Amino acid sequence: MKIKSGCDIVKISRMEGFFEKGGLKRFFTENEGEYILSKRNPYETAAGIFAAKEALGKAMGKGLSSFPAKDIEVCHNETGAPYFSFPGGVFDNFEISLSISHDGEYALAFVVAREI
């Protein structure tokens, strides 16, 4: 059994420029975009989801550039806890836990993946 982990931190203020350059539609799925825009602080939410995808790429040892960001979707259960969904079937052979946190100017995501 292989266990992998990854962590990423994003400065929330970076998301404003990212949005202005079309990053919302380019990087996030339609569902993620709707979720982000429904929040009181969309930049904070976007930074957390961005960090989650980066952390997953690091955990898999591939980096985010090795697979399309839209092949990974960050969802939230009924209590608001984040989890990954893989519409494209990427990483179906892994059990993956995700934690996202925000504090001040930063959003942080931590991923633990176990090969099944």
N, C-alpha and C. Protein backbone atom coordinates (compact mmCIF):
# COMPACT_ATOMS: atom_id res chain seq x y z
N MET A 1 0.84 -1.17 0.00
CA MET A 1 0.00 0.00 0.00
C MET A 1 0.89 1.24 0.00
N LYS A 2 0.65 2.14 -0.94
CA LYS A 2 1.40 3.38 -1.03
C LYS A 2 0.53 4.52 -0.49
N ILE A 3 1.16 5.34 0.36
CA ILE A 3 0.49 6.53 0.86
C ILE A 3 1.31 7.73 0.40
N LYS A 4 0.61 8.71 -0.15
CA LYS A 4 1.26 9.91 -0.67
C LYS A 4 0.60 11.13 -0.04
N SER A 5 1.34 12.21 0.04
CA SER A 5 0.75 13.45 0.57
C SER A 5 1.26 14.64 -0.23
N GLY A 6 0.50 15.70 -0.18
CA GLY A 6 0.87 16.93 -0.86
C GLY A 6 0.23 18.11 -0.14
N CYS A 7 0.90 19.25 -0.22
CA CYS A 7 0.43 20.45 0.46
C CYS A 7 0.68 21.64 -0.46
N ASP A 8 -0.20 22.62 -0.41
CA ASP A 8 0.02 23.84 -1.19
C ASP A 8 -0.60 25.02 -0.44
N ILE A 9 0.01 26.17 -0.61
CA ILE A 9 -0.48 27.41 0.00
C ILE A 9 -0.59 28.48 -1.09
N VAL A 10 -1.66 29.26 -1.05
CA VAL A 10 -1.91 30.28 -2.06
C VAL A 10 -2.24 31.59 -1.35
N LYS A 11 -1.62 32.66 -1.81
CA LYS A 11 -1.98 33.98 -1.31
C LYS A 11 -3.30 34.39 -1.97
N ILE A 12 -4.30 34.66 -1.15
CA ILE A 12 -5.65 34.91 -1.63
C ILE A 12 -5.71 36.08 -2.61
N SER A 13 -4.94 37.12 -2.38
CA SER A 13 -4.97 38.29 -3.26
C SER A 13 -4.53 37.98 -4.69
N ARG A 14 -3.80 36.89 -4.89
CA ARG A 14 -3.39 36.48 -6.25
C ARG A 14 -4.59 36.13 -7.12
N MET A 15 -5.68 35.72 -6.49
CA MET A 15 -6.84 35.26 -7.25
C MET A 15 -7.52 36.39 -8.02
N GLU A 16 -7.42 37.62 -7.53
CA GLU A 16 -8.06 38.72 -8.24
C GLU A 16 -7.47 38.85 -9.65
N GLY A 17 -6.15 38.87 -9.75
CA GLY A 17 -5.50 38.93 -11.06
C GLY A 17 -5.77 37.69 -11.89
N PHE A 18 -5.83 36.55 -11.23
CA PHE A 18 -6.12 35.28 -11.90
C PHE A 18 -7.50 35.34 -12.55
N PHE A 19 -8.48 35.89 -11.83
CA PHE A 19 -9.84 36.03 -12.37
C PHE A 19 -9.82 36.97 -13.58
N GLU A 20 -9.10 38.09 -13.45
CA GLU A 20 -9.05 39.08 -14.52
C GLU A 20 -8.45 38.51 -15.80
N LYS A 21 -7.61 37.51 -15.68
CA LYS A 21 -6.98 36.87 -16.85
C LYS A 21 -7.76 35.66 -17.35
N GLY A 22 -8.99 35.49 -16.88
CA GLY A 22 -9.84 34.40 -17.34
C GLY A 22 -9.62 33.08 -16.62
N GLY A 23 -8.92 33.10 -15.50
CA GLY A 23 -8.61 31.88 -14.78
C GLY A 23 -9.81 31.15 -14.23
N LEU A 24 -10.87 31.88 -13.91
CA LEU A 24 -12.05 31.23 -13.35
C LEU A 24 -12.61 30.19 -14.32
N LYS A 25 -12.74 30.57 -15.58
CA LYS A 25 -13.32 29.63 -16.57
C LYS A 25 -12.27 28.64 -17.08
N ARG A 26 -11.04 29.03 -17.09
CA ARG A 26 -9.97 28.18 -17.64
C ARG A 26 -9.55 27.08 -16.66
N PHE A 27 -9.53 27.36 -15.38
CA PHE A 27 -8.96 26.45 -14.39
C PHE A 27 -10.00 25.66 -13.61
N PHE A 28 -11.15 26.26 -13.36
CA PHE A 28 -12.16 25.65 -12.51
C PHE A 28 -13.29 25.05 -13.35
N THR A 29 -13.90 23.96 -12.84
CA THR A 29 -15.05 23.39 -13.53
C THR A 29 -16.24 24.34 -13.40
N GLU A 30 -17.27 24.08 -14.16
CA GLU A 30 -18.47 24.92 -14.09
C GLU A 30 -19.07 24.90 -12.69
N ASN A 31 -19.14 23.70 -12.08
CA ASN A 31 -19.68 23.60 -10.71
C ASN A 31 -18.82 24.37 -9.72
N GLU A 32 -17.50 24.27 -9.84
CA GLU A 32 -16.61 25.01 -8.95
C GLU A 32 -16.81 26.50 -9.12
N GLY A 33 -16.91 26.95 -10.37
CA GLY A 33 -17.12 28.38 -10.65
C GLY A 33 -18.39 28.90 -10.00
N GLU A 34 -19.47 28.13 -10.11
CA GLU A 34 -20.73 28.53 -9.49
C GLU A 34 -20.59 28.59 -7.97
N TYR A 35 -19.92 27.60 -7.40
CA TYR A 35 -19.72 27.55 -5.95
C TYR A 35 -18.88 28.76 -5.50
N ILE A 36 -17.80 29.03 -6.21
CA ILE A 36 -16.91 30.15 -5.87
C ILE A 36 -17.68 31.47 -5.90
N LEU A 37 -18.44 31.70 -6.97
CA LEU A 37 -19.15 32.96 -7.11
C LEU A 37 -20.32 33.11 -6.14
N SER A 38 -20.76 32.01 -5.53
CA SER A 38 -21.86 32.08 -4.57
C SER A 38 -21.38 32.48 -3.17
N LYS A 39 -20.08 32.53 -2.98
CA LYS A 39 -19.51 32.80 -1.66
C LYS A 39 -19.31 34.29 -1.41
N ARG A 40 -19.35 34.65 -0.13
CA ARG A 40 -19.15 36.04 0.28
C ARG A 40 -17.77 36.55 -0.15
N ASN A 41 -16.76 35.69 -0.06
CA ASN A 41 -15.40 36.05 -0.48
C ASN A 41 -14.94 35.05 -1.54
N PRO A 42 -15.30 35.31 -2.81
CA PRO A 42 -14.97 34.33 -3.86
C PRO A 42 -13.47 34.11 -4.05
N TYR A 43 -12.65 35.13 -3.81
CA TYR A 43 -11.21 34.96 -3.98
C TYR A 43 -10.64 33.98 -2.95
N GLU A 44 -11.15 34.05 -1.73
CA GLU A 44 -10.71 33.13 -0.68
C GLU A 44 -11.08 31.69 -1.04
N THR A 45 -12.31 31.50 -1.50
CA THR A 45 -12.77 30.17 -1.88
C THR A 45 -11.98 29.64 -3.07
N ALA A 46 -11.76 30.49 -4.07
CA ALA A 46 -11.00 30.07 -5.25
C ALA A 46 -9.57 29.69 -4.87
N ALA A 47 -8.97 30.45 -3.97
CA ALA A 47 -7.60 30.14 -3.54
C ALA A 47 -7.53 28.77 -2.88
N GLY A 48 -8.54 28.44 -2.07
CA GLY A 48 -8.57 27.14 -1.41
C GLY A 48 -8.70 26.00 -2.41
N ILE A 49 -9.57 26.16 -3.39
CA ILE A 49 -9.75 25.12 -4.41
C ILE A 49 -8.51 25.01 -5.29
N PHE A 50 -7.92 26.14 -5.63
CA PHE A 50 -6.69 26.13 -6.42
C PHE A 50 -5.59 25.37 -5.66
N ALA A 51 -5.44 25.68 -4.37
CA ALA A 51 -4.43 25.02 -3.55
C ALA A 51 -4.71 23.51 -3.46
N ALA A 52 -5.98 23.13 -3.40
CA ALA A 52 -6.34 21.71 -3.32
C ALA A 52 -5.87 20.96 -4.55
N LYS A 53 -6.10 21.54 -5.72
CA LYS A 53 -5.68 20.88 -6.96
C LYS A 53 -4.15 20.80 -7.05
N GLU A 54 -3.48 21.86 -6.64
CA GLU A 54 -2.01 21.85 -6.62
C GLU A 54 -1.49 20.80 -5.64
N ALA A 55 -2.10 20.70 -4.47
CA ALA A 55 -1.67 19.73 -3.47
C ALA A 55 -1.86 18.30 -3.98
N LEU A 56 -2.94 18.07 -4.70
CA LEU A 56 -3.17 16.74 -5.28
C LEU A 56 -2.09 16.42 -6.31
N GLY A 57 -1.78 17.38 -7.15
CA GLY A 57 -0.71 17.17 -8.14
C GLY A 57 0.61 16.84 -7.48
N LYS A 58 0.92 17.51 -6.40
CA LYS A 58 2.16 17.24 -5.66
C LYS A 58 2.12 15.86 -5.02
N ALA A 59 0.98 15.48 -4.46
CA ALA A 59 0.86 14.16 -3.84
C ALA A 59 1.08 13.05 -4.85
N MET A 60 0.62 13.26 -6.06
CA MET A 60 0.74 12.24 -7.09
C MET A 60 2.12 12.27 -7.76
N GLY A 61 2.94 13.24 -7.38
CA GLY A 61 4.29 13.31 -7.92
C GLY A 61 4.33 13.71 -9.38
N LYS A 62 3.24 14.28 -9.85
CA LYS A 62 3.16 14.65 -11.26
C LYS A 62 3.12 16.15 -11.47
N GLY A 63 2.66 16.85 -10.48
CA GLY A 63 2.46 18.28 -10.64
C GLY A 63 1.17 18.52 -11.40
N LEU A 64 0.62 19.67 -11.23
CA LEU A 64 -0.66 20.00 -11.84
C LEU A 64 -0.56 20.11 -13.36
N SER A 65 0.60 20.39 -13.88
CA SER A 65 0.73 20.55 -15.32
C SER A 65 0.62 19.23 -16.08
N SER A 66 0.62 18.11 -15.38
CA SER A 66 0.59 16.81 -16.05
C SER A 66 -0.84 16.29 -16.30
N PHE A 67 -1.85 17.02 -15.83
CA PHE A 67 -3.24 16.63 -16.11
C PHE A 67 -4.09 17.89 -16.11
N PRO A 68 -5.18 17.90 -16.90
CA PRO A 68 -6.03 19.10 -16.95
C PRO A 68 -6.70 19.38 -15.61
N ALA A 69 -6.65 20.63 -15.19
CA ALA A 69 -7.23 21.03 -13.90
C ALA A 69 -8.72 20.73 -13.85
N LYS A 70 -9.39 20.74 -14.98
CA LYS A 70 -10.83 20.49 -14.99
C LYS A 70 -11.15 18.99 -14.89
N ASP A 71 -10.14 18.12 -14.94
CA ASP A 71 -10.35 16.69 -14.71
C ASP A 71 -10.47 16.39 -13.22
N ILE A 72 -10.25 17.41 -12.40
CA ILE A 72 -10.36 17.30 -10.95
C ILE A 72 -11.39 18.32 -10.51
N GLU A 73 -12.35 17.87 -9.72
CA GLU A 73 -13.35 18.81 -9.22
C GLU A 73 -13.38 18.75 -7.70
N VAL A 74 -13.30 19.90 -7.07
CA VAL A 74 -13.43 19.98 -5.62
C VAL A 74 -14.91 20.22 -5.32
N CYS A 75 -15.49 19.31 -4.56
CA CYS A 75 -16.89 19.38 -4.18
C CYS A 75 -16.96 19.55 -2.66
N HIS A 76 -18.16 19.75 -2.16
CA HIS A 76 -18.36 19.89 -0.72
C HIS A 76 -19.59 19.09 -0.31
N ASN A 77 -19.46 18.34 0.78
CA ASN A 77 -20.60 17.54 1.25
C ASN A 77 -21.59 18.43 1.99
N GLU A 78 -22.64 17.82 2.55
CA GLU A 78 -23.70 18.58 3.20
C GLU A 78 -23.24 19.40 4.40
N THR A 79 -22.11 19.02 5.01
CA THR A 79 -21.60 19.80 6.15
C THR A 79 -20.54 20.81 5.71
N GLY A 80 -20.23 20.84 4.41
CA GLY A 80 -19.26 21.79 3.88
C GLY A 80 -17.85 21.23 3.74
N ALA A 81 -17.63 19.98 4.14
CA ALA A 81 -16.30 19.38 4.04
C ALA A 81 -15.94 19.15 2.57
N PRO A 82 -14.72 19.53 2.17
CA PRO A 82 -14.33 19.36 0.77
C PRO A 82 -13.90 17.92 0.46
N TYR A 83 -14.13 17.54 -0.78
CA TYR A 83 -13.64 16.25 -1.28
C TYR A 83 -13.44 16.38 -2.79
N PHE A 84 -12.69 15.45 -3.35
CA PHE A 84 -12.43 15.45 -4.79
C PHE A 84 -13.42 14.56 -5.52
N SER A 85 -13.75 14.98 -6.72
CA SER A 85 -14.48 14.16 -7.68
C SER A 85 -13.64 14.19 -8.96
N PHE A 86 -13.65 13.09 -9.69
CA PHE A 86 -12.82 12.98 -10.89
C PHE A 86 -13.70 12.67 -12.10
N PRO A 87 -14.32 13.69 -12.69
CA PRO A 87 -15.21 13.47 -13.84
C PRO A 87 -14.53 12.70 -14.98
N GLY A 88 -13.23 12.89 -15.15
CA GLY A 88 -12.51 12.23 -16.23
C GLY A 88 -11.94 10.87 -15.84
N GLY A 89 -12.20 10.41 -14.61
CA GLY A 89 -11.72 9.11 -14.17
C GLY A 89 -10.27 9.09 -13.69
N VAL A 90 -9.65 10.25 -13.63
CA VAL A 90 -8.27 10.33 -13.16
C VAL A 90 -8.22 9.97 -11.68
N PHE A 91 -7.26 9.20 -11.28
CA PHE A 91 -7.02 8.83 -9.87
C PHE A 91 -8.13 7.98 -9.26
N ASP A 92 -8.87 7.25 -10.06
CA ASP A 92 -9.91 6.37 -9.52
C ASP A 92 -9.33 5.25 -8.65
N ASN A 93 -8.05 4.97 -8.80
CA ASN A 93 -7.42 3.89 -8.02
C ASN A 93 -6.82 4.40 -6.71
N PHE A 94 -7.28 5.56 -6.25
CA PHE A 94 -6.80 6.13 -4.99
C PHE A 94 -7.97 6.53 -4.11
N GLU A 95 -7.79 6.37 -2.81
CA GLU A 95 -8.68 6.92 -1.80
C GLU A 95 -8.01 8.21 -1.35
N ILE A 96 -8.69 9.33 -1.48
CA ILE A 96 -8.04 10.62 -1.26
C ILE A 96 -8.79 11.45 -0.23
N SER A 97 -8.05 11.97 0.75
CA SER A 97 -8.60 12.88 1.75
C SER A 97 -8.09 14.28 1.47
N LEU A 98 -8.95 15.26 1.69
CA LEU A 98 -8.61 16.65 1.40
C LEU A 98 -9.01 17.53 2.58
N SER A 99 -8.13 18.44 2.93
CA SER A 99 -8.43 19.45 3.93
C SER A 99 -8.02 20.81 3.37
N ILE A 100 -8.90 21.79 3.51
CA ILE A 100 -8.63 23.16 3.06
C ILE A 100 -8.82 24.09 4.25
N SER A 101 -7.90 25.04 4.41
CA SER A 101 -8.00 26.00 5.50
C SER A 101 -7.66 27.39 4.98
N HIS A 102 -8.27 28.39 5.59
CA HIS A 102 -8.02 29.80 5.24
C HIS A 102 -7.66 30.54 6.52
N ASP A 103 -6.67 31.44 6.41
CA ASP A 103 -6.32 32.28 7.54
C ASP A 103 -5.68 33.55 7.02
N GLY A 104 -6.29 34.65 7.35
CA GLY A 104 -5.73 35.93 6.91
C GLY A 104 -5.61 36.01 5.41
N GLU A 105 -4.38 36.15 4.93
CA GLU A 105 -4.13 36.35 3.50
C GLU A 105 -3.90 35.06 2.73
N TYR A 106 -4.01 33.90 3.39
CA TYR A 106 -3.61 32.65 2.75
C TYR A 106 -4.68 31.57 2.83
N ALA A 107 -4.64 30.69 1.82
CA ALA A 107 -5.44 29.46 1.81
C ALA A 107 -4.44 28.32 1.68
N LEU A 108 -4.70 27.24 2.41
CA LEU A 108 -3.81 26.09 2.43
C LEU A 108 -4.64 24.84 2.19
N ALA A 109 -4.07 23.90 1.44
CA ALA A 109 -4.74 22.62 1.23
C ALA A 109 -3.73 21.49 1.50
N PHE A 110 -4.24 20.42 2.08
CA PHE A 110 -3.41 19.25 2.38
C PHE A 110 -4.16 18.01 1.87
N VAL A 111 -3.43 17.14 1.18
CA VAL A 111 -4.00 15.95 0.59
C VAL A 111 -3.24 14.73 1.06
N VAL A 112 -3.97 13.67 1.38
CA VAL A 112 -3.39 12.36 1.67
C VAL A 112 -4.08 11.38 0.72
N ALA A 113 -3.28 10.62 -0.02
CA ALA A 113 -3.81 9.66 -0.99
C ALA A 113 -3.26 8.27 -0.68
N ARG A 114 -4.18 7.30 -0.75
CA ARG A 114 -3.78 5.91 -0.52
C ARG A 114 -4.19 5.11 -1.74
N GLU A 115 -3.22 4.43 -2.33
CA GLU A 115 -3.49 3.59 -3.49
C GLU A 115 -4.32 2.38 -3.07
N ILE A 116 -5.40 2.11 -3.83
CA ILE A 116 -6.25 0.95 -3.51
C ILE A 116 -6.20 -0.08 -4.61
